[in-house]
Protein backbone atom coordinates (compact mmCIF):
# COMPACT_ATOMS: atom_id res chain seq x y z
CA MET A 1 -63.70 -53.02 106.42
CA SER A 2 -64.46 -52.69 110.01
CA SER A 3 -65.23 -55.25 112.69
CA ALA A 4 -68.90 -53.69 113.36
CA PHE A 5 -69.83 -54.13 109.75
CA GLN A 6 -68.66 -57.60 108.93
CA GLU A 7 -70.64 -58.58 112.47
CA ARG A 8 -73.82 -56.78 110.95
CA PHE A 9 -73.59 -58.54 107.52
CA LYS A 10 -72.11 -61.94 108.51
CA ASN A 11 -74.00 -64.79 106.98
CA ARG A 12 -76.32 -62.48 105.23
CA VAL A 13 -77.68 -63.94 101.67
CA ASN A 14 -80.45 -62.33 99.68
CA TYR A 15 -81.77 -63.49 96.09
CA ILE A 16 -82.75 -61.67 93.14
CA GLY A 17 -86.09 -62.70 91.42
CA LYS A 18 -87.27 -63.24 87.80
CA GLN A 19 -88.82 -59.51 88.48
CA GLY A 20 -85.94 -57.94 89.87
CA VAL A 21 -87.42 -58.04 93.44
CA ILE A 22 -85.02 -59.03 95.96
CA GLU A 23 -86.11 -61.93 98.22
CA ILE A 24 -85.53 -61.59 101.96
CA GLU A 25 -85.55 -64.24 104.46
CA ASN A 26 -86.65 -63.36 107.93
CA SER A 27 -83.60 -65.59 109.41
CA THR A 28 -81.00 -64.28 107.51
CA GLY A 29 -82.30 -60.80 105.78
CA ILE A 30 -80.54 -57.92 106.31
CA GLN A 31 -82.23 -55.84 109.27
CA LYS A 32 -82.51 -52.22 110.42
CA PRO A 33 -79.41 -51.26 111.88
CA LEU A 34 -78.93 -50.59 115.74
CA ASN A 35 -78.35 -47.30 117.10
CA SER A 36 -75.00 -48.54 118.48
CA GLN A 37 -73.97 -49.62 114.87
CA THR A 38 -74.74 -46.14 113.25
CA PHE A 39 -72.90 -43.08 113.42
CA ASP A 40 -73.69 -39.42 112.36
CA THR A 41 -72.47 -37.92 109.30
CA PRO A 42 -72.93 -34.39 107.79
CA PHE A 43 -75.82 -34.76 105.32
CA HIS A 44 -76.08 -32.29 102.42
CA PRO A 45 -79.66 -32.30 101.03
CA LEU A 46 -79.70 -33.13 97.36
CA LYS A 47 -82.24 -32.47 94.71
CA ALA A 48 -84.79 -35.29 94.50
CA ALA A 49 -84.26 -37.66 91.26
CA PRO A 50 -87.29 -39.87 90.45
CA LEU A 51 -86.42 -43.06 91.13
CA VAL A 52 -86.25 -45.84 88.30
CA GLU A 53 -86.84 -49.41 88.72
CA LYS A 54 -84.38 -51.76 86.60
CA ILE A 55 -84.66 -55.16 85.40
CA PHE A 56 -82.29 -57.66 87.15
CA ASP A 57 -81.42 -60.93 85.62
CA LYS A 58 -81.58 -64.03 87.84
CA PHE A 59 -78.05 -64.17 89.58
CA ASN A 60 -76.85 -66.41 92.48
CA THR A 61 -74.11 -65.00 94.68
CA THR A 62 -72.91 -64.05 98.15
CA SER A 63 -71.21 -61.13 96.85
CA TYR A 64 -73.46 -57.54 97.22
CA ALA A 65 -72.01 -56.49 93.71
CA ILE A 66 -75.18 -56.53 91.56
CA PRO A 67 -74.95 -56.51 87.56
CA THR A 68 -77.32 -54.35 85.95
CA SER A 69 -78.58 -55.13 82.30
CA PRO A 70 -80.55 -52.75 80.04
CA GLY A 71 -84.58 -53.11 80.06
CA PRO A 72 -87.82 -50.94 80.18
CA ALA A 73 -87.70 -47.98 82.52
CA GLU A 74 -90.91 -49.37 84.47
CA ILE A 75 -91.90 -52.77 85.60
CA LYS A 76 -95.30 -53.56 87.29
CA ILE A 77 -94.75 -55.68 90.25
CA PRO A 78 -97.30 -58.48 91.14
CA GLU A 79 -98.84 -58.29 94.26
CA THR A 80 -97.64 -61.89 95.55
CA GLN A 81 -93.99 -60.80 95.57
CA VAL A 82 -94.71 -57.60 96.68
CA ARG A 83 -96.17 -59.39 99.72
CA LYS A 84 -92.76 -61.60 100.44
CA GLN A 85 -91.06 -58.32 101.18
CA THR A 86 -90.92 -58.25 104.84
CA GLN A 87 -91.84 -55.39 107.08
CA SER A 88 -88.48 -54.84 108.55
CA ALA A 89 -87.03 -53.66 105.08
CA LYS A 90 -90.33 -51.24 104.01
CA PRO A 91 -90.14 -48.43 106.25
CA TYR A 92 -86.93 -48.01 106.37
CA LEU A 93 -86.87 -47.54 102.82
CA ASN A 94 -89.99 -45.46 102.55
CA ASN A 95 -88.29 -43.11 105.34
CA ASP A 96 -85.17 -42.54 103.81
CA GLN A 97 -86.87 -41.45 100.49
CA GLN A 98 -89.52 -39.15 102.38
CA THR A 99 -86.85 -37.52 104.49
CA ARG A 100 -84.40 -37.18 101.35
CA VAL A 101 -87.75 -35.61 99.51
CA GLU A 102 -89.12 -33.48 102.23
CA MET A 103 -86.04 -31.77 104.00
CA PRO A 104 -85.43 -28.77 101.00
CA THR A 105 -89.00 -27.93 101.32
CA GLN A 106 -88.74 -27.53 105.25
CA GLN A 107 -85.67 -25.68 104.57
CA SER A 108 -87.17 -23.43 101.69
CA PHE A 109 -89.98 -22.70 104.13
CA LYS A 110 -87.84 -21.34 106.75
CA ALA A 111 -85.44 -19.32 104.91
CA PHE A 112 -88.10 -17.31 103.04
CA GLY A 113 -91.08 -18.04 106.26
CA ASP A 114 -89.90 -13.95 107.49
CA PHE A 115 -89.78 -12.26 104.20
CA LYS A 116 -92.34 -9.39 103.96
CA PRO A 117 -93.27 -8.03 100.90
CA TYR A 118 -93.45 -4.47 100.13
CA THR A 119 -95.44 -2.71 97.79
CA LEU A 120 -94.32 0.79 95.42
CA GLN A 121 -96.47 2.66 98.09
CA ASP A 122 -94.30 1.92 101.08
CA TYR A 123 -90.84 2.26 98.66
CA LYS A 124 -91.87 5.83 98.04
CA THR A 125 -92.70 6.39 101.81
CA ILE A 126 -89.38 4.79 102.91
CA LYS A 127 -87.64 6.44 100.03
CA SER A 128 -85.51 9.92 101.08
CA ASP A 129 -85.17 12.70 98.77
CA LYS A 130 -81.92 14.30 101.10
CA TYR A 131 -78.75 13.70 99.80
CA TYR A 132 -76.76 10.52 101.07
CA GLU A 133 -73.27 11.54 102.14
CA LEU A 134 -71.92 8.24 101.15
CA GLY A 135 -68.05 9.21 101.24
CA GLY A 136 -65.71 6.08 100.10
CA LEU A 137 -64.85 7.08 96.36
CA GLY A 138 -65.60 10.86 95.90
CA PRO A 139 -63.68 13.92 97.47
CA SER A 140 -63.37 14.20 101.19
CA ASN A 141 -64.34 17.71 101.35
CA ILE A 142 -68.01 17.41 100.00
CA GLY A 143 -70.21 19.77 101.56
CA SER A 144 -67.63 22.42 102.71
CA GLU A 145 -67.71 25.73 101.72
CA GLU A 146 -64.58 25.19 99.37
CA TRP A 147 -66.55 22.46 97.67
CA LYS A 148 -69.61 24.57 97.44
CA ARG A 149 -67.60 27.46 95.48
CA LYS A 150 -65.82 25.16 93.26
CA LYS A 151 -69.18 23.43 92.32
CA GLU A 152 -70.48 26.91 91.78
CA MET A 153 -67.97 27.72 89.57
CA PHE A 154 -68.01 24.35 87.00
CA GLU A 155 -71.94 25.12 86.65
CA LYS A 156 -70.96 28.86 85.78
CA ARG A 157 -68.77 27.44 82.93
CA LEU A 158 -71.05 24.85 82.06
CA SER A 159 -73.60 27.32 81.62
CA TYR A 160 -71.05 29.57 79.79
CA GLY A 161 -70.48 27.48 77.07
CA LYS A 162 -74.03 26.03 76.53
CA GLN A 163 -74.79 29.90 75.54
CA ALA A 164 -71.82 30.20 73.49
CA MET A 165 -72.36 27.24 71.50
CA GLN A 166 -76.15 28.40 71.03
CA VAL A 167 -74.79 31.89 69.71
CA ASN A 168 -72.29 30.06 67.73
CA SER A 169 -74.71 28.01 66.14
CA ASN A 170 -76.97 30.60 64.43
CA LEU A 171 -74.14 32.02 62.67
CA PRO A 172 -73.48 31.37 59.02
CA PRO A 173 -70.43 29.39 58.33
CA SER A 174 -66.89 30.52 58.29
CA SER A 175 -66.79 30.92 54.26
CA MET A 176 -69.98 32.87 53.87
CA ARG A 177 -68.13 35.85 56.18
CA ARG A 178 -64.87 36.24 54.78
CA PRO A 179 -65.00 39.06 52.32
CA PHE A 180 -64.58 38.17 48.69
CA LYS A 181 -61.50 39.52 47.26
CA GLU A 182 -60.40 39.37 43.89
CA PRO A 183 -57.06 37.42 42.85
CA GLU A 184 -54.43 39.85 42.29
CA MET A 185 -52.77 39.42 38.57
CA GLU A 186 -49.10 40.32 38.61
CA VAL A 187 -48.38 43.40 36.11
CA SER A 188 -45.81 42.82 33.36
CA LYS A 189 -42.89 45.14 32.29
CA SER A 190 -44.58 46.37 29.37
CA GLU A 191 -47.37 47.94 31.45
CA ARG A 192 -45.72 49.38 34.05
CA ALA A 193 -43.81 51.09 31.06
CA ARG A 194 -47.06 52.67 30.06
CA GLN A 195 -48.38 53.67 33.10
CA PHE A 196 -44.95 55.58 33.58
CA ALA A 197 -45.45 57.26 30.29
CA ARG A 198 -48.78 58.23 31.01
CA VAL A 199 -47.68 60.14 34.35
CA ILE A 200 -45.31 62.54 32.14
CA PRO A 201 -46.20 65.74 31.38
CA ARG A 202 -46.31 66.92 27.68
CA PRO A 203 -44.31 69.96 26.60
CA LEU A 204 -46.35 73.49 26.28
CA ILE A 205 -47.01 74.29 22.60
CA LYS A 206 -45.71 78.02 22.24
CA GLU A 207 -47.51 80.66 19.64
CA LYS A 208 -45.95 81.02 16.51
CA LYS A 209 -44.80 84.53 15.67
CA LEU A 210 -45.30 85.31 11.80
CA ASN A 211 -43.02 88.43 11.59
CA CYS A 212 -39.56 87.08 12.74
CA ASP A 213 -36.30 86.24 11.46
CA SER A 214 -34.48 83.25 10.62
CA THR A 215 -32.27 82.79 13.35
CA PRO A 216 -34.30 83.30 16.06
CA ALA A 217 -36.38 80.31 14.41
CA VAL A 218 -33.48 78.11 14.45
CA SER A 219 -33.19 78.80 18.36
CA THR A 220 -36.48 78.44 19.53
CA VAL A 221 -35.85 74.83 17.29
CA LEU A 222 -32.98 74.04 19.22
CA GLU A 223 -34.34 75.12 22.31
CA GLU A 224 -37.49 72.59 21.92
CA LEU A 225 -35.22 69.90 20.60
CA GLU A 226 -33.28 70.79 23.91
CA GLN A 227 -36.17 70.20 26.11
CA GLN A 228 -37.60 67.40 24.34
CA HIS A 229 -34.19 65.47 24.89
CA LEU A 230 -34.26 66.43 28.59
CA ALA A 231 -37.20 65.24 28.99
CA TYR A 232 -36.46 61.67 27.51
CA LYS A 233 -33.32 61.64 29.53
CA ALA A 234 -35.09 61.96 32.75
CA SER A 235 -37.30 59.61 31.90
CA LEU A 236 -34.82 57.33 31.38
CA GLN A 237 -33.26 58.04 34.39
CA ASN A 238 -36.52 57.18 36.09
CA LEU A 239 -36.99 53.89 34.73
CA TRP A 240 -33.47 53.17 35.45
CA THR A 241 -33.52 54.16 39.23
CA GLU A 242 -36.98 51.71 39.26
CA TYR A 243 -35.42 48.38 37.60
CA LYS A 244 -32.26 48.89 39.19
């Protein structure tokens, strides 16, 4: 401890009564410190906390460590014991408590004293309708001819896309617009042979002669058979070339 502290609290003794009140004698009571015994420290205002009085048992000691014991939150002190307290200790405690409570309110008045509230009409009059060129995160060529040209092209592409989307939304689905095609059936070999047989021309029918010899009749039959044979041979040749 410092020498000033020891000199100030030398031979100082306080007694605690039954009701928890410190009895201070005029000769040995702790008095308010002088200006030479105090020093300035940075004071940070704290939130005012409610004072709570506690009960202390009767305890006679020369030390300043006061043991606490649980008890009710509030105790009514008789007027006779309150009068015993010296006038030197009362104003010191009251002034300290008063300054701790009132300092935040004074600072709050200073902080918000110059504030001027604005109405909605004031905001509308102050607000500007012009474009604010703040700069920073945007491109550096805002407002130039190149920037205007690119912006105009972007707006044109955007409007064209909206028009195309509107037109496409009115069209029917793609499945309904496709032409209907019948499924192609694979033609068998027998069907192909029938189709080829229908193409072959039939032989001409000759008129019969009533008055004729036997030999010419035989020759005409041979000729017909020969023509029929040639026709069959030609059809077989066509089939061979087709399926080769």
